[in-house]
Amino acid sequence: MADFNPQERVKKMVNAIKAEANEKAEQIKDMAAQQFRIEKNKLLNQQKERIIEEYKKKIESYTIEKRIQRSSKINQSRLSKMQARFELIQRLKEEIRQKMSKLIQDQSVYKELLKNLIIQGMIKLLEPRIELMCLEQDVQLIRTILVECQEEFTKIIKRETTKDFKTTLSINQSQYLTDKGGKPILGGVVLSCANNRIVCSNTLDDRLELSLQEFLPDIRNGLFKK
């Protein structure tokens, strides 16, 4: 019992408790540090993902905006080209119209043209009685070719079908051609039959419009090469 020292024993117990407490404290510190790192990395990853997502949205928005701007510019360019084409074709149409106006001032040329227009309309209608409507100043000129048109038409039908078919032409003198779209009609005729239920317009203005429509692709290719 002489070797037993209570103070020394207590001291050893205290030191053991302190050591255990220090060890526990270190473990807690390590766990806390590890948990901190995990939470820190988690927050950092969340922030990175948020920033990446924001930039993705910004880039996508920027890309869409640029596409819209590009599309708008392309559309504006197309509209400008279409407008330029339209204006140029209208000028071309007006130039042709003016040349036709000068051409038909020659009565012999206009007379032959009227005859061809009338016969063409007669072939389209193929009716025994056809009425012609024309410009008031063309009445006398057309009177001089009525018989010739009827005879030529009969010959064509006979030659093409071997059938005898005659058409009687008359001139409508209660109504005359005046203007179209605010512009005076150049000339030509409108043929009608069956009490005006069937009409064939062969005015020079209509023929000009039809010719332009027919050759419009060629005109565009010639004037607006890609």
Protein backbone atom coordinates (compact mmCIF):
# COMPACT_ATOMS: atom_id res chain seq x y z
CA MET A 1 0.00 0.00 0.00
CA ALA A 2 3.05 2.24 0.51
CA ASP A 3 3.50 2.43 -3.30
CA PHE A 4 -0.08 3.59 -3.95
CA ASN A 5 -0.22 7.27 -4.79
CA PRO A 6 -3.76 8.60 -5.26
CA GLN A 7 -2.60 11.88 -6.72
CA GLU A 8 -0.50 10.13 -9.32
CA ARG A 9 -3.45 7.88 -10.17
CA VAL A 10 -5.76 10.86 -10.52
CA LYS A 11 -3.21 12.63 -12.63
CA LYS A 12 -2.99 9.64 -14.96
CA MET A 13 -6.77 9.47 -15.21
CA VAL A 14 -6.96 13.17 -15.97
CA ASN A 15 -4.27 12.85 -18.62
CA ALA A 16 -6.11 9.89 -20.17
CA ILE A 17 -9.37 11.83 -20.22
CA LYS A 18 -7.59 14.85 -21.76
CA ALA A 19 -5.98 12.65 -24.40
CA GLU A 20 -9.30 11.06 -25.25
CA ALA A 21 -10.97 14.47 -25.31
CA ASN A 22 -8.23 15.83 -27.59
CA GLU A 23 -8.59 12.83 -29.86
CA LYS A 24 -12.36 13.30 -29.98
CA ALA A 25 -11.88 17.02 -30.61
CA GLU A 26 -9.51 16.26 -33.50
CA GLN A 27 -11.97 13.78 -34.92
CA ILE A 28 -14.75 16.38 -34.66
CA LYS A 29 -12.50 19.01 -36.28
CA ASP A 30 -11.62 16.57 -39.09
CA MET A 31 -15.26 15.66 -39.59
CA ALA A 32 -16.23 19.34 -39.53
CA ALA A 33 -13.47 20.19 -42.02
CA GLN A 34 -14.53 17.30 -44.26
CA GLN A 35 -18.18 18.34 -44.05
CA PHE A 36 -17.16 21.94 -44.77
CA ARG A 37 -15.24 20.83 -47.85
CA ILE A 38 -18.21 18.75 -49.03
CA GLU A 39 -20.65 21.62 -48.53
CA LYS A 40 -18.18 24.07 -50.06
CA ASN A 41 -17.71 21.87 -53.15
CA LYS A 42 -21.44 21.35 -53.35
CA LEU A 43 -22.09 25.10 -53.26
CA LEU A 44 -19.27 25.73 -55.74
CA ASN A 45 -20.67 23.13 -58.12
CA GLN A 46 -24.16 24.60 -57.76
CA GLN A 47 -22.82 28.07 -58.49
CA LYS A 48 -20.83 26.77 -61.46
CA GLU A 49 -23.88 25.01 -62.84
CA ARG A 50 -25.97 28.14 -62.32
CA ILE A 51 -23.37 30.34 -64.04
CA ILE A 52 -22.97 27.83 -66.90
CA GLU A 53 -26.75 27.65 -67.31
CA GLU A 54 -27.00 31.45 -67.31
CA TYR A 55 -24.31 31.73 -69.96
CA LYS A 56 -25.96 29.00 -72.00
CA LYS A 57 -29.21 30.98 -71.91
CA LYS A 58 -27.38 34.20 -72.78
CA ILE A 59 -25.56 32.53 -75.68
CA GLU A 60 -28.82 30.94 -76.88
CA SER A 61 -30.63 34.27 -76.60
CA TYR A 62 -27.78 36.04 -78.42
CA THR A 63 -27.79 33.36 -81.15
CA ILE A 64 -31.57 33.63 -81.59
CA GLU A 65 -31.33 37.44 -81.72
CA LYS A 66 -28.61 37.26 -84.35
CA ARG A 67 -30.65 34.78 -86.38
CA ILE A 68 -33.67 37.08 -86.17
CA GLN A 69 -31.54 40.06 -87.24
CA ARG A 70 -30.04 38.05 -90.10
CA SER A 71 -33.46 36.81 -91.18
CA SER A 72 -34.82 40.36 -91.00
CA LYS A 73 -31.96 41.67 -93.15
CA ILE A 74 -32.46 38.85 -95.66
CA ASN A 75 -36.21 39.60 -95.82
CA GLN A 76 -35.54 43.32 -96.23
CA SER A 77 -33.07 42.56 -99.00
CA ARG A 78 -35.59 40.27 -100.70
CA LEU A 79 -38.32 42.89 -100.41
CA SER A 80 -35.98 45.53 -101.83
CA LYS A 81 -35.12 43.23 -104.74
CA MET A 82 -38.78 42.42 -105.33
CA GLN A 83 -39.64 46.13 -105.29
CA ALA A 84 -36.78 46.90 -107.68
CA ARG A 85 -37.91 44.06 -109.98
CA PHE A 86 -41.49 45.25 -109.90
CA GLU A 87 -40.52 48.84 -110.69
CA LEU A 88 -38.19 47.79 -113.50
CA ILE A 89 -40.80 45.48 -115.04
CA GLN A 90 -43.39 48.27 -114.81
CA ARG A 91 -40.96 50.62 -116.61
CA LEU A 92 -40.35 47.95 -119.22
CA LYS A 93 -44.09 47.50 -119.62
CA GLU A 94 -44.58 51.24 -120.04
CA GLU A 95 -41.76 51.43 -122.62
CA ILE A 96 -43.33 48.60 -124.65
CA ARG A 97 -46.70 50.30 -124.36
CA GLN A 98 -45.29 53.55 -125.70
CA LYS A 99 -43.62 51.73 -128.60
CA MET A 100 -46.90 49.98 -129.42
CA SER A 101 -48.68 53.32 -129.28
CA LYS A 102 -46.28 54.72 -131.88
CA LEU A 103 -46.46 51.56 -133.97
CA ILE A 104 -50.24 51.58 -134.35
CA GLN A 105 -50.21 55.16 -135.53
CA ASP A 106 -49.46 53.59 -138.90
CA GLN A 107 -52.98 52.75 -140.08
CA SER A 108 -51.88 49.91 -142.34
CA VAL A 109 -50.01 48.23 -139.47
CA TYR A 110 -52.89 48.75 -137.05
CA LYS A 111 -55.44 47.51 -139.57
CA GLU A 112 -53.58 44.22 -140.03
CA LEU A 113 -53.16 43.89 -136.26
CA LEU A 114 -56.90 44.43 -135.69
CA LYS A 115 -57.75 41.84 -138.30
CA ASN A 116 -55.51 39.25 -136.61
CA LEU A 117 -56.93 40.05 -133.17
CA ILE A 118 -60.52 39.70 -134.42
CA ILE A 119 -59.88 36.41 -136.22
CA GLN A 120 -58.06 35.00 -133.21
CA GLY A 121 -61.04 35.89 -131.00
CA MET A 122 -63.46 34.35 -133.49
CA ILE A 123 -61.52 31.07 -133.40
CA LYS A 124 -61.64 31.06 -129.60
CA LEU A 125 -65.37 31.67 -129.45
CA LEU A 126 -66.55 29.64 -132.48
CA GLU A 127 -70.01 31.21 -132.42
CA PRO A 128 -72.27 32.08 -135.39
CA ARG A 129 -72.82 35.65 -134.17
CA ILE A 130 -70.17 37.76 -132.47
CA GLU A 131 -70.29 41.39 -131.40
CA LEU A 132 -67.21 43.59 -131.31
CA MET A 133 -66.55 46.42 -128.88
CA CYS A 134 -63.75 48.81 -129.77
CA LEU A 135 -62.49 52.35 -129.36
CA GLU A 136 -64.90 54.87 -130.82
CA GLN A 137 -62.25 56.16 -133.21
CA ASP A 138 -61.64 52.62 -134.53
CA VAL A 139 -65.22 51.98 -135.67
CA GLN A 140 -64.67 53.09 -139.27
CA LEU A 141 -61.41 51.17 -139.60
CA ILE A 142 -62.96 47.96 -138.27
CA ARG A 143 -65.94 48.30 -140.63
CA THR A 144 -63.52 48.08 -143.55
CA ILE A 145 -62.20 44.69 -142.43
CA LEU A 146 -65.36 42.93 -141.14
CA VAL A 147 -66.05 41.02 -144.35
CA GLU A 148 -62.39 40.16 -144.75
CA CYS A 149 -62.27 38.79 -141.18
CA GLN A 150 -65.40 36.68 -141.74
CA GLU A 151 -64.06 35.22 -144.98
CA GLU A 152 -60.59 34.52 -143.55
CA PHE A 153 -62.15 32.85 -140.50
CA THR A 154 -64.33 30.60 -142.73
CA LYS A 155 -61.27 29.57 -144.77
CA ILE A 156 -59.29 28.69 -141.63
CA ILE A 157 -62.12 26.56 -140.20
CA LYS A 158 -62.57 24.79 -143.55
CA ARG A 159 -58.84 24.11 -143.82
CA GLU A 160 -58.45 22.84 -140.26
CA THR A 161 -61.71 20.89 -139.85
CA THR A 162 -63.07 20.42 -143.42
CA LYS A 163 -66.33 21.88 -142.04
CA ASP A 164 -68.24 24.89 -143.29
CA PHE A 165 -68.74 27.33 -140.46
CA LYS A 166 -69.60 31.00 -140.83
CA THR A 167 -69.65 33.77 -138.27
CA THR A 168 -71.37 37.12 -138.64
CA LEU A 169 -69.63 40.06 -137.00
CA SER A 170 -71.26 43.27 -135.77
CA ILE A 171 -69.96 46.35 -133.97
CA ASN A 172 -71.39 47.53 -130.66
CA GLN A 173 -71.94 51.26 -131.13
CA SER A 174 -73.76 51.85 -127.87
CA GLN A 175 -70.67 51.19 -125.78
CA TYR A 176 -67.00 51.75 -126.49
CA LEU A 177 -63.70 50.83 -124.92
CA THR A 178 -62.41 53.66 -122.76
CA ASP A 179 -59.66 53.04 -120.24
CA LYS A 180 -58.15 50.37 -118.04
CA GLY A 181 -56.54 51.01 -114.67
CA GLY A 182 -56.82 54.74 -115.21
CA LYS A 183 -54.97 54.61 -118.54
CA PRO A 184 -56.53 54.97 -122.00
CA ILE A 185 -56.75 51.65 -123.86
CA LEU A 186 -54.33 51.48 -126.77
CA GLY A 187 -56.70 49.65 -129.08
CA GLY A 188 -57.85 46.21 -130.09
CA VAL A 189 -61.26 44.65 -129.55
CA VAL A 190 -63.41 42.80 -127.06
CA LEU A 191 -65.47 40.02 -128.65
CA SER A 192 -68.67 38.77 -127.03
CA CYS A 193 -71.57 36.45 -127.81
CA ALA A 194 -74.62 34.84 -126.16
CA ASN A 195 -75.81 38.24 -124.87
CA ASN A 196 -72.39 39.07 -123.41
CA ARG A 197 -72.31 35.88 -121.35
CA ILE A 198 -69.17 34.79 -123.21
CA VAL A 199 -66.43 37.38 -123.62
CA CYS A 200 -62.98 37.29 -125.19
CA SER A 201 -60.88 40.38 -124.55
CA ASN A 202 -58.30 40.94 -127.26
CA THR A 203 -57.33 44.52 -126.53
CA LEU A 204 -53.71 45.49 -127.07
CA ASP A 205 -53.42 46.16 -123.34
CA ASP A 206 -54.59 42.65 -122.46
CA ARG A 207 -52.31 41.10 -125.06
CA LEU A 208 -49.39 43.08 -123.66
CA GLU A 209 -50.21 41.89 -120.14
CA LEU A 210 -50.50 38.26 -121.27
CA SER A 211 -47.23 38.44 -123.17
CA LEU A 212 -45.43 39.88 -120.14
CA GLN A 213 -46.83 37.16 -117.91
CA GLU A 214 -45.80 34.49 -120.40
CA PHE A 215 -42.26 35.77 -120.78
CA LEU A 216 -41.85 37.02 -117.19
CA PRO A 217 -39.47 34.18 -116.16
CA ASP A 218 -37.22 34.93 -119.16
CA ILE A 219 -37.40 38.66 -118.45
CA ARG A 220 -36.45 38.11 -114.80
CA ASN A 221 -33.55 35.84 -115.75
CA GLY A 222 -32.35 38.39 -118.25
CA LEU A 223 -32.67 41.41 -115.98
CA PHE A 224 -31.90 39.88 -112.59
CA LYS A 225 -29.20 37.29 -113.04
CA LYS A 226 -28.15 35.62 -109.78
